[in-house]
N, C-alpha and C. Protein backbone atom coordinates (compact mmCIF):
# COMPACT_ATOMS: atom_id res chain seq x y z
N MET A 1 20.13 17.42 -12.72
CA MET A 1 18.84 17.42 -12.36
C MET A 1 18.16 16.06 -12.20
N LEU A 2 17.46 15.91 -11.25
CA LEU A 2 16.59 14.58 -10.77
C LEU A 2 15.57 14.25 -11.78
N THR A 3 15.66 13.11 -12.36
CA THR A 3 14.49 12.51 -13.32
C THR A 3 13.76 11.60 -12.52
N ILE A 4 12.50 11.68 -12.60
CA ILE A 4 11.65 10.80 -12.02
C ILE A 4 10.47 10.30 -12.95
N SER A 5 10.21 8.91 -12.90
CA SER A 5 9.34 8.37 -13.68
C SER A 5 8.55 7.69 -12.72
N THR A 6 7.35 7.07 -13.15
CA THR A 6 6.33 6.43 -12.39
C THR A 6 5.99 5.14 -13.00
N ARG A 7 5.56 4.19 -12.37
CA ARG A 7 5.06 2.92 -13.01
C ARG A 7 4.28 2.23 -11.98
N HIS A 8 3.45 1.06 -12.39
CA HIS A 8 2.77 0.25 -11.25
C HIS A 8 3.60 -0.49 -10.43
N LEU A 9 3.33 -0.43 -9.12
CA LEU A 9 3.95 -1.04 -8.27
C LEU A 9 3.71 -2.58 -8.30
N THR A 10 4.99 -3.29 -8.20
CA THR A 10 4.78 -4.83 -8.28
C THR A 10 5.40 -5.47 -7.03
N GLU A 11 5.21 -6.97 -6.95
CA GLU A 11 5.75 -7.57 -5.77
C GLU A 11 7.63 -7.32 -5.68
N LYS A 12 8.06 -7.22 -6.85
CA LYS A 12 9.56 -7.15 -6.89
C LYS A 12 10.02 -5.69 -6.45
N ASP A 13 9.24 -4.87 -6.07
CA ASP A 13 9.46 -3.68 -5.48
C ASP A 13 9.36 -3.54 -3.97
N TRP A 14 8.84 -4.70 -3.48
CA TRP A 14 8.41 -4.73 -1.87
C TRP A 14 9.61 -4.19 -0.92
N ILE A 15 10.91 -4.82 -1.24
CA ILE A 15 11.99 -4.56 -0.22
C ILE A 15 12.15 -3.05 -0.33
N SER A 16 12.16 -2.38 -1.57
CA SER A 16 12.14 -0.86 -1.43
C SER A 16 11.11 -0.25 -0.75
N VAL A 17 9.89 -0.70 -1.12
CA VAL A 17 8.68 -0.06 -0.39
C VAL A 17 8.82 -0.32 1.10
N LEU A 18 9.30 -1.55 1.47
CA LEU A 18 9.24 -1.65 2.92
C LEU A 18 10.07 -0.94 3.69
N LYS A 19 11.40 -0.50 3.04
CA LYS A 19 12.29 0.45 3.61
C LYS A 19 11.79 1.84 3.81
N ILE A 20 11.07 2.23 2.65
CA ILE A 20 10.45 3.62 2.64
C ILE A 20 9.32 3.58 3.82
N TYR A 21 8.59 2.64 3.82
CA TYR A 21 7.52 2.56 4.74
C TYR A 21 7.89 2.50 6.17
N ALA A 22 9.06 1.67 6.37
CA ALA A 22 9.66 1.63 7.73
C ALA A 22 10.22 3.18 8.30
N ASP A 23 10.87 3.77 7.41
CA ASP A 23 11.17 5.07 7.55
C ASP A 23 10.08 6.01 7.93
N GLY A 24 8.97 5.79 7.26
CA GLY A 24 7.88 6.54 7.68
C GLY A 24 7.17 6.29 8.88
N ILE A 25 7.15 5.03 9.27
CA ILE A 25 6.96 4.70 10.50
C ILE A 25 7.63 5.23 11.81
N ALA A 26 9.01 5.50 11.41
CA ALA A 26 9.98 5.69 12.35
C ALA A 26 9.99 7.20 12.53
N THR A 27 9.21 7.94 11.62
CA THR A 27 9.09 9.35 11.72
C THR A 27 8.04 9.82 12.72
N GLY A 28 7.19 8.88 13.06
CA GLY A 28 6.30 9.29 14.05
C GLY A 28 5.24 10.09 13.44
N LEU A 29 5.24 10.65 12.15
CA LEU A 29 4.27 11.66 11.60
C LEU A 29 3.43 11.04 10.54
N ALA A 30 3.89 9.67 10.09
CA ALA A 30 3.09 9.22 8.90
C ALA A 30 1.95 8.21 8.95
N THR A 31 2.07 7.47 10.21
CA THR A 31 1.08 6.33 10.23
C THR A 31 0.91 6.11 11.81
N PHE A 32 -0.13 5.48 12.17
CA PHE A 32 -0.36 4.89 13.61
C PHE A 32 0.43 3.61 13.63
N GLU A 33 0.71 2.89 12.44
CA GLU A 33 1.35 1.68 12.50
C GLU A 33 2.81 1.84 12.99
N THR A 34 3.11 0.55 13.92
CA THR A 34 4.42 0.61 14.54
C THR A 34 5.30 -0.55 14.08
N GLU A 35 4.74 -1.24 12.95
CA GLU A 35 5.37 -2.38 12.60
C GLU A 35 5.26 -2.52 11.14
N VAL A 36 6.16 -2.96 10.21
CA VAL A 36 6.01 -3.18 8.87
C VAL A 36 5.38 -4.54 8.72
N PRO A 37 4.18 -4.44 7.79
CA PRO A 37 3.57 -5.88 7.65
C PRO A 37 4.27 -6.64 6.58
N SER A 38 3.75 -7.96 6.40
CA SER A 38 4.48 -8.72 5.39
C SER A 38 3.97 -8.26 4.16
N TRP A 39 4.58 -8.86 3.09
CA TRP A 39 4.01 -8.58 1.80
C TRP A 39 2.49 -9.02 1.73
N GLU A 40 2.19 -10.10 2.08
CA GLU A 40 0.93 -10.64 1.91
C GLU A 40 -0.08 -9.58 2.63
N GLN A 41 0.03 -9.34 3.81
CA GLN A 41 -0.77 -8.43 4.57
C GLN A 41 -0.89 -6.98 3.87
N TRP A 42 0.25 -6.64 3.36
CA TRP A 42 0.46 -5.22 2.67
C TRP A 42 -0.47 -5.32 1.38
N HIS A 43 -0.16 -6.59 0.77
CA HIS A 43 -0.68 -6.80 -0.67
C HIS A 43 -2.45 -6.92 -0.66
N GLU A 44 -2.86 -7.36 0.55
CA GLU A 44 -4.30 -7.58 0.82
C GLU A 44 -4.91 -6.26 1.13
N LYS A 45 -4.22 -5.45 1.78
CA LYS A 45 -4.81 -4.01 2.31
C LYS A 45 -4.97 -3.11 1.22
N TYR A 46 -4.09 -2.98 0.26
CA TYR A 46 -4.17 -1.95 -0.81
C TYR A 46 -4.58 -2.53 -2.27
N ILE A 47 -5.46 -1.73 -2.60
CA ILE A 47 -6.11 -1.89 -3.96
C ILE A 47 -5.03 -2.01 -4.97
N GLN A 48 -5.15 -3.20 -5.77
CA GLN A 48 -4.19 -3.57 -6.61
C GLN A 48 -4.05 -2.73 -7.98
N SER A 49 -5.12 -2.27 -8.29
CA SER A 49 -5.15 -1.38 -9.58
C SER A 49 -4.40 0.02 -9.39
N CYS A 50 -4.34 0.34 -8.23
CA CYS A 50 -3.96 1.92 -7.96
C CYS A 50 -2.67 1.79 -7.00
N ARG A 51 -1.64 1.32 -7.46
CA ARG A 51 -0.31 1.44 -6.74
C ARG A 51 0.71 1.68 -7.70
N ILE A 52 1.61 2.84 -7.19
CA ILE A 52 2.31 3.37 -8.09
C ILE A 52 3.89 3.48 -7.29
N VAL A 53 4.89 3.38 -8.04
CA VAL A 53 6.11 3.57 -7.51
C VAL A 53 6.80 4.86 -8.34
N ALA A 54 7.67 5.79 -7.49
CA ALA A 54 8.46 6.81 -8.23
C ALA A 54 9.80 6.19 -8.45
N ILE A 55 10.47 6.26 -9.63
CA ILE A 55 11.64 5.79 -9.96
C ILE A 55 12.72 6.70 -10.20
N SER A 56 13.92 6.67 -9.66
CA SER A 56 14.96 7.71 -10.09
C SER A 56 16.21 6.63 -10.26
N ASN A 57 16.93 6.79 -11.26
CA ASN A 57 18.12 5.98 -11.58
C ASN A 57 17.81 4.57 -11.29
N GLU A 58 16.71 4.07 -11.67
CA GLU A 58 16.26 2.52 -11.49
C GLU A 58 16.08 2.06 -10.00
N ASN A 59 16.07 3.15 -9.35
CA ASN A 59 15.69 2.88 -7.77
C ASN A 59 14.34 3.41 -7.53
N VAL A 60 13.67 2.69 -6.59
CA VAL A 60 12.33 3.10 -6.14
C VAL A 60 12.43 4.15 -4.93
N VAL A 61 12.12 5.34 -5.13
CA VAL A 61 12.21 6.36 -4.17
C VAL A 61 10.78 6.81 -3.56
N GLY A 62 9.96 6.36 -3.88
CA GLY A 62 8.67 6.62 -3.14
C GLY A 62 7.54 5.71 -3.79
N PHE A 63 6.35 5.87 -3.17
CA PHE A 63 5.23 5.08 -3.61
C PHE A 63 4.01 5.52 -3.12
N ALA A 64 3.00 5.44 -3.88
CA ALA A 64 1.51 5.94 -3.45
C ALA A 64 0.42 4.59 -3.81
N VAL A 65 -0.33 4.58 -2.69
CA VAL A 65 -1.35 3.53 -2.96
C VAL A 65 -2.77 3.94 -2.53
N LEU A 66 -3.82 3.14 -2.72
CA LEU A 66 -5.14 3.49 -2.32
C LEU A 66 -5.43 2.26 -1.31
N SER A 67 -6.34 2.49 -0.32
CA SER A 67 -7.06 1.33 0.32
C SER A 67 -8.51 1.70 0.45
N ARG A 68 -9.40 0.65 0.41
CA ARG A 68 -10.65 0.77 0.39
C ARG A 68 -11.17 1.38 1.92
N VAL A 69 -12.16 2.27 1.89
CA VAL A 69 -12.77 2.88 3.18
C VAL A 69 -13.90 1.84 3.85
N SER A 70 -14.51 1.08 2.93
CA SER A 70 -15.22 0.16 3.23
C SER A 70 -15.52 -0.79 2.24
N ASN A 71 -15.84 -1.93 2.67
CA ASN A 71 -16.37 -3.21 1.59
C ASN A 71 -17.89 -2.87 1.09
N ARG A 72 -18.59 -1.96 1.55
CA ARG A 72 -19.80 -1.85 1.39
C ARG A 72 -19.96 -1.36 -0.19
N GLU A 73 -21.00 -1.89 -0.94
CA GLU A 73 -21.02 -1.45 -2.30
C GLU A 73 -21.23 0.05 -2.68
N VAL A 74 -21.95 0.69 -1.63
CA VAL A 74 -22.17 2.16 -1.82
C VAL A 74 -20.89 3.15 -1.81
N TYR A 75 -19.86 2.53 -1.27
CA TYR A 75 -18.48 3.28 -1.05
C TYR A 75 -17.60 2.59 -1.95
N LYS A 76 -17.81 1.99 -3.11
CA LYS A 76 -16.92 1.29 -3.96
C LYS A 76 -16.06 2.19 -4.75
N GLY A 77 -16.50 3.47 -4.74
CA GLY A 77 -15.69 4.66 -5.29
C GLY A 77 -14.93 5.76 -4.48
N VAL A 78 -14.88 5.15 -3.15
CA VAL A 78 -14.19 6.03 -2.21
C VAL A 78 -13.02 5.25 -1.61
N ALA A 79 -11.76 5.81 -1.72
CA ALA A 79 -10.69 5.14 -1.12
C ALA A 79 -9.75 6.31 -0.51
N GLU A 80 -8.84 5.57 0.38
CA GLU A 80 -8.03 6.54 1.15
C GLU A 80 -6.68 6.39 0.67
N VAL A 81 -6.04 7.61 0.48
CA VAL A 81 -4.64 7.68 0.10
C VAL A 81 -3.57 7.54 0.93
N SER A 82 -2.47 6.97 0.43
CA SER A 82 -1.23 6.83 1.37
C SER A 82 -0.03 7.28 0.33
N VAL A 83 0.82 8.16 0.56
CA VAL A 83 2.05 8.60 -0.13
C VAL A 83 3.18 8.61 0.77
N TYR A 84 4.18 8.09 0.34
CA TYR A 84 5.49 7.93 0.94
C TYR A 84 6.63 8.10 0.11
N VAL A 85 7.76 8.93 0.55
CA VAL A 85 8.72 9.21 -0.14
C VAL A 85 10.08 9.09 0.70
N ASP A 86 11.07 8.35 0.04
CA ASP A 86 12.11 7.97 0.69
C ASP A 86 12.85 9.23 1.31
N HIS A 87 13.24 9.18 2.54
CA HIS A 87 13.66 10.25 3.36
C HIS A 87 14.92 11.23 2.41
N SER A 88 15.61 10.63 1.94
CA SER A 88 16.75 11.35 1.24
C SER A 88 16.27 11.95 -0.15
N PHE A 89 15.02 11.77 -0.52
CA PHE A 89 14.25 12.42 -1.70
C PHE A 89 13.28 13.37 -1.35
N ARG A 90 12.93 13.75 -0.29
CA ARG A 90 12.01 14.47 0.15
C ARG A 90 12.28 15.94 -0.20
N GLY A 91 11.24 16.81 -0.60
CA GLY A 91 11.37 18.11 -0.86
C GLY A 91 11.76 18.27 -2.59
N GLN A 92 11.48 17.24 -3.22
CA GLN A 92 11.83 17.25 -4.61
C GLN A 92 10.92 17.08 -5.44
N HIS A 93 9.61 17.31 -4.93
CA HIS A 93 8.29 17.18 -5.64
C HIS A 93 7.80 15.70 -6.16
N ILE A 94 8.73 14.76 -5.42
CA ILE A 94 8.29 13.41 -5.73
C ILE A 94 6.84 12.93 -5.15
N GLY A 95 6.56 13.53 -3.97
CA GLY A 95 5.07 13.18 -3.32
C GLY A 95 4.16 13.91 -4.30
N GLU A 96 4.38 14.95 -4.93
CA GLU A 96 3.40 15.60 -5.76
C GLU A 96 3.18 14.64 -7.07
N THR A 97 4.32 14.49 -7.66
CA THR A 97 4.29 13.37 -8.94
C THR A 97 3.68 12.26 -8.51
N LEU A 98 3.86 11.50 -7.48
CA LEU A 98 2.99 10.54 -7.13
C LEU A 98 1.76 10.57 -6.92
N LEU A 99 1.24 11.64 -5.95
CA LEU A 99 -0.12 11.99 -5.87
C LEU A 99 -0.88 12.39 -7.26
N ARG A 100 -0.31 13.22 -7.96
CA ARG A 100 -0.97 13.47 -9.11
C ARG A 100 -1.32 12.11 -10.07
N GLN A 101 -0.26 11.22 -10.21
CA GLN A 101 -0.50 10.01 -10.95
C GLN A 101 -1.53 9.26 -10.39
N LEU A 102 -1.47 9.19 -9.03
CA LEU A 102 -2.40 8.34 -8.37
C LEU A 102 -3.90 8.73 -8.51
N ILE A 103 -3.98 9.91 -8.61
CA ILE A 103 -5.26 10.72 -8.98
C ILE A 103 -5.84 10.32 -10.10
N LYS A 104 -4.91 10.36 -11.08
CA LYS A 104 -5.31 9.76 -12.55
C LYS A 104 -5.70 8.37 -12.69
N GLU A 105 -4.64 7.72 -11.99
CA GLU A 105 -5.20 6.18 -12.01
C GLU A 105 -6.41 5.89 -11.17
N SER A 106 -6.73 6.76 -10.21
CA SER A 106 -8.10 6.37 -9.37
C SER A 106 -9.32 6.72 -10.21
N GLU A 107 -9.08 7.65 -10.91
CA GLU A 107 -10.14 8.31 -11.74
C GLU A 107 -10.30 7.30 -13.04
N ALA A 108 -9.48 6.79 -13.55
CA ALA A 108 -9.42 5.64 -14.61
C ALA A 108 -10.20 4.33 -13.96
N HIS A 109 -10.15 4.27 -12.58
CA HIS A 109 -10.72 3.10 -12.00
C HIS A 109 -11.90 3.39 -11.39
N GLN A 110 -12.68 4.45 -11.78
CA GLN A 110 -13.92 5.07 -11.31
C GLN A 110 -13.93 5.41 -9.77
N PHE A 111 -12.89 5.83 -9.13
CA PHE A 111 -12.99 6.49 -7.78
C PHE A 111 -13.30 7.82 -7.92
N TRP A 112 -14.56 8.10 -7.20
CA TRP A 112 -15.15 9.52 -7.16
C TRP A 112 -14.50 10.25 -6.09
N THR A 113 -14.08 9.62 -5.02
CA THR A 113 -13.65 10.38 -3.68
C THR A 113 -12.59 9.77 -3.17
N LEU A 114 -11.46 10.67 -2.98
CA LEU A 114 -10.11 10.23 -2.16
C LEU A 114 -10.23 10.93 -0.96
N GLN A 115 -9.71 10.26 -0.06
CA GLN A 115 -9.57 10.82 1.29
C GLN A 115 -8.25 10.61 1.87
N ALA A 116 -7.75 11.38 2.79
CA ALA A 116 -6.52 11.21 3.54
C ALA A 116 -6.78 11.61 4.94
N GLY A 117 -6.13 10.89 5.97
CA GLY A 117 -6.29 11.15 7.19
C GLY A 117 -4.79 11.43 7.60
N ILE A 118 -4.41 12.69 7.91
CA ILE A 118 -3.09 13.02 8.02
C ILE A 118 -2.71 13.63 9.42
N PHE A 119 -1.76 13.26 10.25
CA PHE A 119 -1.50 13.70 11.40
C PHE A 119 -1.29 15.18 11.38
N SER A 120 -2.06 16.02 12.01
CA SER A 120 -2.15 17.43 12.26
C SER A 120 -0.74 18.10 12.24
N SER A 121 0.15 17.48 12.77
CA SER A 121 1.54 17.87 12.89
C SER A 121 2.25 17.73 11.60
N ASN A 122 1.76 16.91 10.63
CA ASN A 122 2.51 16.72 9.37
C ASN A 122 2.02 17.97 8.17
N ILE A 123 2.55 19.05 8.57
CA ILE A 123 2.16 20.12 7.79
C ILE A 123 2.44 19.94 6.42
N ALA A 124 3.69 19.38 6.06
CA ALA A 124 4.17 19.12 4.64
C ALA A 124 3.10 18.26 3.84
N SER A 125 2.56 17.21 4.39
CA SER A 125 1.69 16.36 3.78
C SER A 125 0.31 16.91 3.70
N ILE A 126 -0.16 17.85 4.63
CA ILE A 126 -1.46 18.46 4.45
C ILE A 126 -1.14 19.25 3.12
N ALA A 127 -0.15 20.19 3.14
CA ALA A 127 0.06 21.17 2.11
C ALA A 127 0.17 20.44 0.76
N LEU A 128 0.83 19.23 0.63
CA LEU A 128 0.99 18.46 -0.66
C LEU A 128 -0.36 18.12 -1.06
N HIS A 129 -1.25 17.56 -0.09
CA HIS A 129 -2.69 17.27 -0.62
C HIS A 129 -3.35 18.34 -1.02
N GLU A 130 -3.38 19.42 -0.41
CA GLU A 130 -4.16 20.63 -0.70
C GLU A 130 -3.83 21.16 -2.24
N LYS A 131 -2.42 20.99 -2.31
CA LYS A 131 -1.73 21.60 -3.75
C LYS A 131 -2.44 20.60 -4.88
N CYS A 132 -2.64 19.39 -4.45
CA CYS A 132 -3.31 18.40 -5.43
C CYS A 132 -4.64 18.38 -5.38
N GLY A 133 -5.42 19.49 -4.97
CA GLY A 133 -6.90 19.64 -4.98
C GLY A 133 -7.48 18.85 -3.92
N PHE A 134 -6.93 18.44 -2.71
CA PHE A 134 -7.89 17.91 -1.61
C PHE A 134 -8.17 19.06 -0.81
N ARG A 135 -9.17 19.10 0.08
CA ARG A 135 -9.61 20.06 0.97
C ARG A 135 -9.57 19.47 2.30
N VAL A 136 -9.34 20.33 3.41
CA VAL A 136 -9.59 19.79 4.79
C VAL A 136 -11.02 19.87 4.99
N ILE A 137 -11.78 18.89 5.52
CA ILE A 137 -13.11 18.68 5.93
C ILE A 137 -13.35 18.55 7.44
N GLY A 138 -12.10 18.35 8.04
CA GLY A 138 -12.39 18.49 9.52
C GLY A 138 -11.01 17.98 10.23
N VAL A 139 -11.18 18.23 11.54
CA VAL A 139 -9.90 17.47 12.32
C VAL A 139 -10.55 16.56 13.34
N ARG A 140 -10.13 15.47 13.38
CA ARG A 140 -10.41 14.51 14.29
C ARG A 140 -9.47 14.58 15.34
N GLU A 141 -10.07 15.01 16.57
CA GLU A 141 -9.15 15.27 17.63
C GLU A 141 -9.08 13.84 18.63
N LYS A 142 -7.75 13.80 18.85
CA LYS A 142 -7.05 12.53 19.60
C LYS A 142 -7.81 11.24 18.94
N ILE A 143 -7.65 11.14 17.73
CA ILE A 143 -8.32 9.96 17.06
C ILE A 143 -7.55 8.52 17.19
N GLY A 144 -6.43 8.75 17.67
CA GLY A 144 -5.64 7.41 17.98
C GLY A 144 -4.37 7.79 18.75
N GLN A 145 -3.87 6.65 19.28
CA GLN A 145 -2.66 6.77 20.20
C GLN A 145 -1.41 6.04 19.29
N ARG A 146 -0.27 6.41 19.47
CA ARG A 146 0.94 6.04 19.13
C ARG A 146 1.78 5.98 20.28
N HIS A 147 2.32 4.70 20.75
CA HIS A 147 3.19 4.67 21.96
C HIS A 147 2.64 5.53 23.09
N GLY A 148 1.29 5.50 23.31
CA GLY A 148 0.62 6.25 24.47
C GLY A 148 0.36 7.65 24.43
N VAL A 149 0.61 8.19 23.15
CA VAL A 149 0.64 9.67 23.00
C VAL A 149 -0.71 9.95 21.97
N TRP A 150 -1.52 10.60 22.36
CA TRP A 150 -2.88 10.84 21.53
C TRP A 150 -2.37 11.79 20.33
N PHE A 151 -3.03 11.53 19.21
CA PHE A 151 -2.84 12.40 17.98
C PHE A 151 -4.00 12.89 17.32
N ASN A 152 -3.90 13.99 16.86
CA ASN A 152 -5.03 14.59 15.91
C ASN A 152 -4.76 14.31 14.56
N ASN A 153 -5.79 14.11 13.81
CA ASN A 153 -5.61 13.80 12.31
C ASN A 153 -6.56 14.93 11.65
N HIS A 154 -5.96 15.56 10.59
CA HIS A 154 -6.68 16.37 9.64
C HIS A 154 -7.28 15.23 8.55
N LEU A 155 -8.66 15.49 8.43
CA LEU A 155 -9.31 14.61 7.41
C LEU A 155 -9.48 15.53 6.29
N LEU A 156 -8.87 15.04 5.04
CA LEU A 156 -8.89 15.67 3.73
C LEU A 156 -9.69 15.03 2.79
N GLU A 157 -10.32 15.52 1.78
CA GLU A 157 -10.94 14.75 0.74
C GLU A 157 -10.69 15.61 -0.78
N ARG A 158 -10.74 14.88 -1.79
CA ARG A 158 -10.79 15.28 -3.06
C ARG A 158 -11.80 14.57 -3.81
N ARG A 159 -12.81 15.29 -4.54
CA ARG A 159 -13.86 14.85 -5.49
C ARG A 159 -13.43 14.87 -6.81
N SER A 160 -13.61 13.76 -7.39
CA SER A 160 -13.42 13.95 -8.82
C SER A 160 -14.51 14.51 -9.64
N LYS A 161 -14.27 15.34 -10.35
CA LYS A 161 -15.37 16.08 -11.18
C LYS A 161 -15.59 15.32 -12.41
N SER A 162 -14.70 14.79 -13.05
CA SER A 162 -14.82 13.80 -14.12
C SER A 162 -15.28 12.53 -13.95
N VAL A 163 -15.23 11.84 -12.91
CA VAL A 163 -15.90 10.70 -12.46
C VAL A 163 -17.39 10.95 -12.16
N MET A 164 -17.51 11.94 -11.38
CA MET A 164 -18.97 12.39 -10.89
C MET A 164 -19.71 12.82 -12.07
N ASN A 165 -18.93 13.43 -13.11
CA ASN A 165 -20.01 14.06 -14.32
C ASN A 165 -20.19 12.57 -15.44
N GLU A 166 -19.30 11.67 -15.33
CA GLU A 166 -19.36 10.60 -16.15
C GLU A 166 -20.52 9.68 -15.54
N GLN A 167 -20.59 9.65 -14.06
CA GLN A 167 -21.62 8.64 -13.59
C GLN A 167 -23.00 9.46 -13.43
N ASN A 168 -23.01 10.77 -13.77
CA ASN A 168 -24.36 11.38 -13.70
C ASN A 168 -24.85 11.59 -15.09
N LYS A 169 -24.41 11.07 -16.05
CA LYS A 169 -24.75 10.96 -17.43
C LYS A 169 -26.10 10.25 -17.57
């Protein structure tokens, strides 16, 4: 039986994260990016307090991170979710474990809305997010191109009841 634990992602995880991210790029279903960034670029893009890796037998088998949707103060509690799982570990609920832990971390850091832009053809990722409390709020048609091909994205969001209730006191 596969045992998975999660912990905070650190720079020492970068090589493993890079490989998993590169594999996600190669699928053509995970991101509009076509190249893996440097650690410095990646480190600057993602919120440091909400970075998680999944570990199996001391190996990184997936990661989940948040990025800001805006630098404006009014959106300080809104972030975009990214979840990636090593191709040889897909279908084993690692994405769900990561996303549920990321939700807990995000709420601990006062994020009230999480959003995800997922290629409409990535049915498994859409289903994962819905299972974890996200809802489809729309489809952005031909929102971007990858290698000259237009793609639609499902836009999903999850509102934190606990953070919203806390802030309305």
